[in-house]
Amino acid sequence: MARDYSAHGLAGCVRLRTARTTGTKVGVYNAEQAGMDDGDGALPWVTVCEAHGALINHETLALAKYHAVMPQDWCGSCQEAL
């Protein structure tokens, strides 16, 4: 059985932090537990810009955490804000 993630009371949430580069909240989630998976489980982890709703899926939890540090690399609204 997979670990049940629910940081900050959010289903599937592994962590929720403020990105230093943009000042926005960014969450890392287990996609299936958070209801953000595509149904086939191919990319089980997702990084979400909580301020703008942008998300990017990943093959590993390590990649999801890595992308959480710099949301301006994958969130168009964060890119425009900088």
C-alpha atoms as a PDB file:
ATOM      1  CA  MET A   1       0.000   0.000   0.000  1.00  0.00           C
ATOM      2  CA  ALA A   2       1.255   3.470  -0.901  1.00  0.00           C
ATOM      3  CA  ARG A   3       1.871   6.070   1.754  1.00  0.00           C
ATOM      4  CA  ASP A   4      -1.087   8.389   2.405  1.00  0.00           C
ATOM      5  CA  TYR A   5      -0.090  12.040   1.954  1.00  0.00           C
ATOM      6  CA  SER A   6      -2.137  14.849   3.514  1.00  0.00           C
ATOM      7  CA  ALA A   7       0.174  17.694   4.567  1.00  0.00           C
ATOM      8  CA  HIS A   8      -1.684  20.848   5.584  1.00  0.00           C
ATOM      9  CA  GLY A   9      -4.932  18.854   5.482  1.00  0.00           C
ATOM     10  CA  LEU A  10      -4.839  18.645   1.676  1.00  0.00           C
ATOM     11  CA  ALA A  11      -5.463  15.272   0.036  1.00  0.00           C
ATOM     12  CA  GLY A  12      -2.298  13.959  -1.586  1.00  0.00           C
ATOM     13  CA  CYS A  13      -0.165  16.906  -0.439  1.00  0.00           C
ATOM     14  CA  VAL A  14       3.459  16.024   0.254  1.00  0.00           C
ATOM     15  CA  ARG A  15       4.524  19.604   1.003  1.00  0.00           C
ATOM     16  CA  LEU A  16       3.327  23.163   0.584  1.00  0.00           C
ATOM     17  CA  ARG A  17       5.891  25.949   0.627  1.00  0.00           C
ATOM     18  CA  THR A  18       6.439  29.512  -0.509  1.00  0.00           C
ATOM     19  CA  ALA A  19       8.879  29.761  -3.401  1.00  0.00           C
ATOM     20  CA  ARG A  20      11.582  32.331  -2.645  1.00  0.00           C
ATOM     21  CA  THR A  21      11.892  33.369  -6.275  1.00  0.00           C
ATOM     22  CA  THR A  22       8.230  34.308  -6.777  1.00  0.00           C
ATOM     23  CA  GLY A  23       6.686  34.523  -3.312  1.00  0.00           C
ATOM     24  CA  THR A  24       3.900  32.159  -4.386  1.00  0.00           C
ATOM     25  CA  LYS A  25       2.766  28.989  -2.639  1.00  0.00           C
ATOM     26  CA  VAL A  26       3.784  25.807  -4.453  1.00  0.00           C
ATOM     27  CA  GLY A  27       2.505  22.351  -3.578  1.00  0.00           C
ATOM     28  CA  VAL A  28       3.898  18.917  -4.310  1.00  0.00           C
ATOM     29  CA  TYR A  29       1.260  16.201  -4.520  1.00  0.00           C
ATOM     30  CA  ASN A  30       0.718  12.518  -5.105  1.00  0.00           C
ATOM     31  CA  ALA A  31      -1.381  12.929  -8.255  1.00  0.00           C
ATOM     32  CA  GLU A  32      -3.701   9.973  -7.658  1.00  0.00           C
ATOM     33  CA  GLN A  33      -4.444  10.855  -4.027  1.00  0.00           C
ATOM     34  CA  ALA A  34      -5.072  14.500  -4.934  1.00  0.00           C
ATOM     35  CA  GLY A  35      -7.353  13.598  -7.866  1.00  0.00           C
ATOM     36  CA  MET A  36      -4.950  15.153 -10.386  1.00  0.00           C
ATOM     37  CA  ASP A  37      -3.897  12.016 -12.232  1.00  0.00           C
ATOM     38  CA  ASP A  38      -4.683  11.154 -15.817  1.00  0.00           C
ATOM     39  CA  GLY A  39      -6.101   7.756 -14.876  1.00  0.00           C
ATOM     40  CA  ASP A  40      -3.222   5.575 -16.031  1.00  0.00           C
ATOM     41  CA  GLY A  41      -0.783   6.516 -13.254  1.00  0.00           C
ATOM     42  CA  ALA A  42       2.036   7.182 -15.721  1.00  0.00           C
ATOM     43  CA  LEU A  43       3.143  10.394 -13.980  1.00  0.00           C
ATOM     44  CA  PRO A  44       2.327   9.909 -10.304  1.00  0.00           C
ATOM     45  CA  TRP A  45       3.653  13.221  -8.913  1.00  0.00           C
ATOM     46  CA  VAL A  46       2.507  16.782  -9.590  1.00  0.00           C
ATOM     47  CA  THR A  47       3.847  20.230  -8.711  1.00  0.00           C
ATOM     48  CA  VAL A  48       1.195  22.962  -8.458  1.00  0.00           C
ATOM     49  CA  CYS A  49       1.465  26.750  -8.378  1.00  0.00           C
ATOM     50  CA  GLU A  50      -1.288  27.338  -5.843  1.00  0.00           C
ATOM     51  CA  ALA A  51      -1.609  31.034  -6.781  1.00  0.00           C
ATOM     52  CA  HIS A  52      -2.192  30.467 -10.491  1.00  0.00           C
ATOM     53  CA  GLY A  53      -3.394  26.874 -10.795  1.00  0.00           C
ATOM     54  CA  ALA A  54      -0.572  25.849 -13.140  1.00  0.00           C
ATOM     55  CA  LEU A  55       0.671  22.306 -12.730  1.00  0.00           C
ATOM     56  CA  ILE A  56       3.331  20.005 -14.079  1.00  0.00           C
ATOM     57  CA  ASN A  57       3.479  16.224 -13.689  1.00  0.00           C
ATOM     58  CA  HIS A  58       6.618  14.203 -12.949  1.00  0.00           C
ATOM     59  CA  GLU A  59       7.820  10.614 -12.923  1.00  0.00           C
ATOM     60  CA  THR A  60       9.471  10.909  -9.503  1.00  0.00           C
ATOM     61  CA  LEU A  61       8.874  12.703  -6.225  1.00  0.00           C
ATOM     62  CA  ALA A  62      12.428  14.087  -6.404  1.00  0.00           C
ATOM     63  CA  LEU A  63      11.643  15.819  -9.720  1.00  0.00           C
ATOM     64  CA  ALA A  64       8.408  17.245  -8.329  1.00  0.00           C
ATOM     65  CA  LYS A  65      10.273  18.728  -5.346  1.00  0.00           C
ATOM     66  CA  TYR A  66      13.012  20.088  -7.617  1.00  0.00           C
ATOM     67  CA  HIS A  67      10.498  21.950  -9.795  1.00  0.00           C
ATOM     68  CA  ALA A  68       8.706  23.387  -6.751  1.00  0.00           C
ATOM     69  CA  VAL A  69      11.675  25.653  -6.040  1.00  0.00           C
ATOM     70  CA  MET A  70      11.409  27.623  -9.298  1.00  0.00           C
ATOM     71  CA  PRO A  71       7.774  27.884 -10.441  1.00  0.00           C
ATOM     72  CA  GLN A  72       8.685  30.601 -12.944  1.00  0.00           C
ATOM     73  CA  ASP A  73      10.244  27.832 -15.062  1.00  0.00           C
ATOM     74  CA  TRP A  74       6.831  26.181 -15.694  1.00  0.00           C
ATOM     75  CA  CYS A  75       4.097  28.608 -14.561  1.00  0.00           C
ATOM     76  CA  GLY A  76       3.351  31.248 -17.197  1.00  0.00           C
ATOM     77  CA  SER A  77       1.787  33.642 -14.689  1.00  0.00           C
ATOM     78  CA  CYS A  78       4.854  33.472 -12.434  1.00  0.00           C
ATOM     79  CA  GLN A  79       7.061  34.130 -15.482  1.00  0.00           C
ATOM     80  CA  GLU A  80       5.033  37.245 -16.340  1.00  0.00           C
ATOM     81  CA  ALA A  81       5.142  38.476 -12.742  1.00  0.00           C
ATOM     82  CA  LEU A  82       8.928  38.468 -12.730  1.00  0.00           C
END
